[in-house]
Protein backbone atom coordinates (compact mmCIF):
# COMPACT_ATOMS: atom_id res chain seq x y z
CA LEU A 1 0.00 0.07 -0.11
CA LEU A 2 1.00 3.59 -0.46
CA GLN A 3 0.78 5.77 2.66
CA THR A 4 -0.34 9.26 2.07
CA ASP A 5 -1.03 12.31 4.14
CA ALA A 6 -3.71 13.49 1.53
CA SER A 7 -7.04 13.75 3.21
CA ILE A 8 -8.94 10.53 2.96
CA ASN A 9 -12.34 10.61 4.68
CA PRO A 10 -14.88 7.81 5.35
CA GLY A 11 -16.57 7.22 1.91
CA ASN A 12 -13.56 7.97 -0.04
CA SER A 13 -12.47 4.25 -0.55
CA GLY A 14 -12.32 3.54 -4.22
CA GLY A 15 -11.58 7.14 -4.99
CA ALA A 16 -8.62 8.25 -6.88
CA LEU A 17 -5.23 9.33 -5.36
CA LEU A 18 -3.63 11.74 -7.66
CA ASP A 19 -0.19 13.50 -7.80
CA ILE A 20 0.28 17.28 -8.25
CA ASN A 21 -0.06 16.84 -11.98
CA GLY A 22 -3.38 14.88 -11.88
CA LYS A 23 -1.89 11.61 -12.70
CA LEU A 24 -3.40 8.58 -10.89
CA ILE A 25 -1.10 7.00 -8.71
CA GLY A 26 -3.30 4.95 -6.38
CA VAL A 27 -6.88 4.01 -5.23
CA CYS A 28 -7.86 5.16 -1.82
CA THR A 29 -8.59 2.21 0.43
CA ALA A 30 -8.18 2.99 4.13
CA ILE A 31 -7.45 5.53 6.86
CA ARG A 32 -5.80 5.17 10.17
CA ALA A 33 -8.39 6.16 12.52
CA ARG A 34 -6.26 6.87 15.63
CA ALA A 35 -3.58 8.73 13.56
CA GLU A 36 -3.88 12.19 12.03
CA GLY A 37 -3.75 12.55 8.42
CA ILE A 38 -2.56 9.06 7.47
CA GLY A 39 -4.26 7.15 4.75
CA PHE A 40 -3.42 4.14 2.39
CA ALA A 41 -4.01 3.51 -1.28
CA ILE A 42 -3.51 0.55 -3.64
CA PRO A 43 -0.82 1.41 -6.05
CA THR A 44 -1.82 1.76 -9.80
CA ASP A 45 0.43 -1.16 -11.00
CA GLN A 46 -1.38 -3.49 -8.65
CA VAL A 47 -4.76 -2.07 -9.65
CA ARG A 48 -3.93 -2.74 -13.33
CA THR A 49 -2.91 -6.38 -12.57
CA ALA A 50 -6.06 -7.00 -10.63
CA MET A 51 -8.23 -5.32 -13.40
CA ARG A 52 -6.84 -7.65 -16.10
CA ASP A 53 -7.40 -10.76 -14.03
CA LEU A 54 -10.91 -9.62 -13.23
CA LEU A 55 -12.02 -8.51 -16.73
CA ASP A 56 -10.49 -11.42 -18.56
CA PHE A 57 -12.21 -14.50 -16.92
CA ARG A 58 -10.21 -16.71 -19.16
CA SER A 59 -6.98 -15.57 -17.19
CA VAL A 60 -7.93 -17.75 -14.32
CA ARG A 61 -4.67 -18.71 -12.51
CA ARG A 62 -4.84 -22.00 -10.43
CA LEU A 63 -1.20 -22.46 -9.34
CA TRP A 64 -0.38 -26.09 -8.03
CA VAL A 65 2.40 -26.95 -5.75
CA GLY A 66 1.27 -29.92 -3.80
CA LEU A 67 2.59 -29.51 -0.24
CA GLY A 68 0.84 -29.77 2.94
CA LEU A 69 2.50 -27.66 5.70
CA VAL A 70 2.26 -26.81 9.40
CA ALA A 71 4.48 -24.40 11.30
CA VAL A 72 7.31 -25.85 13.48
CA ILE A 73 7.64 -24.66 16.94
CA ARG A 74 11.11 -25.18 18.89
CA ARG A 75 10.59 -26.74 22.24
CA ASP A 76 13.33 -25.05 23.89
CA THR A 77 12.55 -21.45 22.77
CA GLY A 78 8.80 -21.74 21.93
CA ARG A 79 9.56 -19.89 18.57
CA ARG A 80 8.66 -20.96 15.03
CA ALA A 81 11.63 -22.54 13.13
CA GLY A 82 10.14 -23.36 9.73
CA LEU A 83 7.40 -25.35 8.09
CA LYS A 84 7.16 -28.98 8.33
CA VAL A 85 5.86 -31.06 5.28
CA ILE A 86 2.82 -33.30 6.44
CA ASP A 87 1.66 -34.09 2.79
CA VAL A 88 3.09 -34.41 -0.61
CA LYS A 89 0.18 -34.86 -3.19
CA PRO A 90 1.23 -37.68 -5.80
CA GLU A 91 2.30 -36.49 -9.10
CA SER A 92 2.30 -33.01 -8.02
CA PRO A 93 5.17 -30.39 -8.60
CA ALA A 94 6.40 -30.98 -4.92
CA ALA A 95 6.54 -34.71 -5.66
CA ALA A 96 8.60 -34.18 -8.81
CA ALA A 97 10.84 -31.88 -6.80
CA GLY A 98 11.68 -34.72 -4.42
CA PHE A 99 9.85 -33.33 -1.40
CA ARG A 100 9.09 -35.94 1.43
CA LYS A 101 6.97 -36.01 4.66
CA ASN A 102 8.77 -34.57 7.55
CA ASP A 103 10.94 -32.28 5.35
CA ILE A 104 11.59 -28.92 7.37
CA ILE A 105 11.59 -25.92 4.98
CA VAL A 106 13.61 -23.07 6.53
CA ARG A 107 14.00 -20.71 3.50
CA MET A 108 12.18 -20.01 0.15
CA ASP A 109 14.35 -18.17 -2.37
CA GLY A 110 16.87 -17.26 0.16
CA GLU A 111 14.37 -15.70 2.66
CA PRO A 112 13.58 -17.18 6.03
CA LEU A 113 10.23 -19.06 6.05
CA ILE A 114 8.48 -19.43 9.34
CA ASP A 115 4.84 -18.63 8.64
CA ILE A 116 2.36 -20.46 6.35
CA ILE A 117 0.80 -17.19 5.25
CA GLU A 118 4.19 -15.85 4.33
CA TYR A 119 4.61 -19.02 2.04
CA GLU A 120 1.15 -18.67 0.50
CA VAL A 121 1.62 -14.95 -0.22
CA ALA A 122 4.95 -15.66 -1.86
CA ILE A 123 3.49 -18.38 -4.03
CA MET A 124 0.72 -16.05 -5.17
CA ASP A 125 3.31 -13.85 -6.74
CA LYS A 126 4.52 -16.76 -8.90
CA LYS A 127 3.13 -17.95 -12.05
CA ALA A 128 3.23 -21.48 -13.72
CA GLY A 129 6.73 -22.46 -14.85
CA ASP A 130 8.44 -20.21 -12.18
CA GLU A 131 11.19 -22.14 -10.18
CA VAL A 132 11.33 -21.71 -6.37
CA VAL A 133 14.34 -22.75 -4.51
CA PHE A 134 13.88 -24.01 -0.86
CA ASP A 135 16.31 -24.72 1.76
CA VAL A 136 15.24 -28.08 3.40
CA LEU A 137 16.22 -29.81 6.62
CA ARG A 138 16.11 -33.70 6.21
CA GLY A 139 18.08 -35.77 8.68
CA SER A 140 20.86 -33.27 8.92
CA PRO A 141 21.50 -29.82 10.51
CA ILE A 142 22.88 -28.73 6.96
CA PRO A 143 20.05 -27.64 4.70
CA ARG A 144 19.76 -28.97 1.14
CA LYS A 145 18.52 -27.27 -1.81
CA VAL A 146 15.39 -28.40 -3.44
CA THR A 147 14.10 -26.66 -6.71
CA LEU A 148 10.47 -26.70 -7.42
CA THR A 149 8.87 -25.66 -10.60
CA VAL A 150 5.29 -24.20 -9.92
CA GLY A 151 2.52 -25.96 -11.81
CA GLN A 152 -0.93 -25.07 -12.89
CA LEU A 153 -3.84 -27.08 -11.77
CA PRO A 154 -5.91 -28.43 -14.71
CA LEU A 155 -9.43 -26.83 -14.93
CA PRO A 156 -12.21 -29.18 -14.06
CA ASP A 157 -14.52 -30.35 -16.81
CA ALA A 158 -16.80 -27.37 -17.99
CA SER A 159 -19.58 -29.75 -18.90
CA LEU A 160 -19.61 -31.27 -15.51
CA ILE A 161 -19.55 -27.80 -13.81
CA ILE A 162 -22.56 -26.68 -16.07
CA ARG A 163 -24.52 -29.87 -15.31
CA ARG A 164 -23.89 -29.69 -11.39
CA ARG A 165 -24.50 -25.92 -11.00
CA THR A 166 -27.36 -25.24 -13.46
CA GLY A 167 -28.98 -28.64 -14.29
CA MET A 168 -28.61 -28.31 -18.17
CA THR A 169 -26.48 -29.72 -20.75
CA VAL A 170 -24.96 -27.87 -23.61
CA ARG A 171 -22.90 -28.12 -26.73
CA PHE A 172 -20.77 -25.74 -28.85
CA LEU A 173 -22.61 -24.26 -31.85
CA ASP A 174 -20.27 -22.45 -34.51
CA ASP A 175 -21.51 -19.86 -36.87
CA ALA A 176 -22.03 -22.26 -39.74
CA GLN A 177 -24.15 -24.51 -37.68
CA ALA A 178 -26.15 -21.50 -36.38
CA ARG A 179 -26.80 -20.22 -40.03
CA LYS A 180 -28.25 -23.71 -40.96
CA LEU A 181 -30.58 -23.24 -38.15
CA GLY A 182 -31.61 -19.79 -39.23
CA LEU A 183 -29.56 -17.97 -36.49
CA ALA A 184 -27.37 -15.00 -36.98
CA THR A 185 -24.59 -16.24 -34.65
CA GLY A 186 -23.48 -19.30 -32.73
CA GLY A 187 -22.35 -19.86 -29.10
CA VAL A 188 -23.39 -22.31 -26.51
CA GLN A 189 -26.68 -24.13 -27.21
CA VAL A 190 -28.70 -25.87 -24.77
CA THR A 191 -29.28 -29.40 -25.36
CA GLY A 192 -31.12 -30.42 -22.18
CA VAL A 193 -32.71 -29.04 -19.08
CA THR A 194 -33.40 -30.97 -15.91
CA PRO A 195 -36.82 -30.06 -14.39
CA GLY A 196 -36.53 -28.48 -11.08
CA THR A 197 -32.81 -27.22 -11.52
CA PRO A 198 -31.70 -23.51 -11.74
CA SER A 199 -31.80 -23.66 -15.52
CA SER A 200 -35.50 -24.98 -15.50
CA LYS A 201 -36.45 -22.47 -12.97
CA ALA A 202 -35.03 -19.69 -15.02
CA GLY A 203 -36.99 -20.68 -18.01
CA LEU A 204 -34.30 -22.13 -20.37
CA ARG A 205 -35.20 -24.56 -23.01
CA PRO A 206 -33.36 -27.01 -25.33
CA GLY A 207 -32.37 -25.04 -28.46
CA ASP A 208 -31.58 -21.66 -26.71
CA ILE A 209 -28.48 -20.21 -27.60
CA ILE A 210 -26.67 -18.66 -24.67
CA THR A 211 -24.55 -15.66 -25.74
CA MET A 212 -23.66 -13.75 -22.53
CA PHE A 213 -23.49 -14.78 -18.88
CA ASN A 214 -22.98 -12.11 -16.29
CA ASN A 215 -22.28 -9.42 -18.79
CA PHE A 216 -19.36 -11.69 -20.38
CA PRO A 217 -19.62 -12.97 -23.83
CA VAL A 218 -19.93 -16.72 -24.18
CA SER A 219 -18.69 -18.41 -27.28
CA GLN A 220 -17.99 -22.00 -26.04
CA PRO A 221 -18.77 -24.48 -23.04
CA ASP A 222 -15.39 -23.69 -21.46
CA ASP A 223 -16.25 -19.99 -21.14
CA LEU A 224 -19.57 -20.80 -19.45
CA GLY A 225 -17.64 -23.17 -16.97
CA LEU A 226 -14.98 -20.59 -16.11
CA LEU A 227 -17.77 -18.02 -15.39
CA LEU A 228 -19.77 -20.38 -13.26
CA MET A 229 -16.75 -20.89 -11.08
CA ARG A 230 -16.84 -17.26 -10.07
CA VAL A 231 -20.51 -17.49 -8.96
CA PRO A 232 -21.12 -18.19 -5.28
CA LEU A 233 -23.36 -20.84 -3.84
CA ASN A 234 -26.97 -19.70 -4.66
CA GLY A 235 -25.55 -16.62 -6.43
CA ARG A 236 -27.71 -14.80 -9.07
CA ALA A 237 -26.35 -14.52 -12.59
CA MET A 238 -27.93 -12.76 -15.76
CA VAL A 239 -28.21 -14.91 -18.86
CA VAL A 240 -28.66 -13.47 -22.19
CA LEU A 241 -29.87 -15.94 -24.77
CA LEU A 242 -31.28 -16.12 -28.35
CA ARG A 243 -34.47 -18.01 -28.93
CA LYS A 244 -36.08 -17.97 -32.48
CA ASP A 245 -33.96 -14.85 -33.28
CA TYR A 246 -35.37 -12.94 -30.29
CA LYS A 247 -33.02 -12.08 -27.46
CA HIS A 248 -34.10 -12.71 -24.01
CA TYR A 249 -32.77 -11.84 -20.69
CA VAL A 250 -33.28 -14.16 -17.71
CA TRP A 251 -31.92 -14.48 -14.08
CA MET A 252 -30.71 -17.72 -12.86
CA THR A 253 -29.80 -18.77 -9.20
CA VAL A 254 -26.87 -20.97 -9.35
CA ARG A 255 -26.67 -23.92 -6.82
C-alpha cells in the first residue's frame, strides 16, 4: 500500500489518489483512525494487474504446488523454526521436486520461512513455470537445496460444472451450424434441461443459444464453465440468450 497524508475521509474508498499533475497513482482504500492525516491507497500497478485478471475471466490462474505444511515450534525457545511437510500430493510439482513427508523448510528463495501465510503470499506472486528454491532440513542440520517448478492445476471439466450448477447440458454451436438453423450467430446451445434445476426455474429450454453470462460474452462451453466458477453458492447470474431470433434476458440462481 501507498501511505499518504492527503485527506482521506470515510466514504473515499475507491476514490482516486492523484499526484500534483493529476496523474492517477493509487486507489484510496483505508485510513488510520487513531492517527492524524494518514491514509493508504492501492498502487496503480497492482490495480492494473487485478483489473486484467478480473475483466478477463479466461485468465484464471490455479497454481499448483502440492505441499501440505504446518508451522514448526522449537521446544526450547517456543519460537517458530520453519514449516514441516505433512503431505506431498502424488504426481504434483512437490513430488517431482523430491519433497518428502517430515521435511523442514527453513528458507524460500533465500528468505527465512516460518509462517504459512508468508509461504502462500510468496506463491501467489509466482506463475506457472517459475522455479522456487527451498532450503530443506532432512536428517541433517545442514540444509539441502530443493528446486520446485510451480505448476498449473488443470481446470475441471466444463460440462460437469455446468450440469452440476445449473442442471442443463450444452454443446458448442459454431456460426456455420447456427446459420443452418436460421440464426445469425452461434455460441453455447442448450441441449437438455433437468426439471426443478436452476436452468429450468430460469425458463431455459433446449435449443436456446446462450450468448452472454453475467455481462461476459460466451462463445464455447469452457467460457460458461469458467464463469460459473466465479458465481458463489446460490448466487444470481444474468443470462442473455437467443430463442427463435429473439433476445431474452433471464436471471438464474446457481446452486
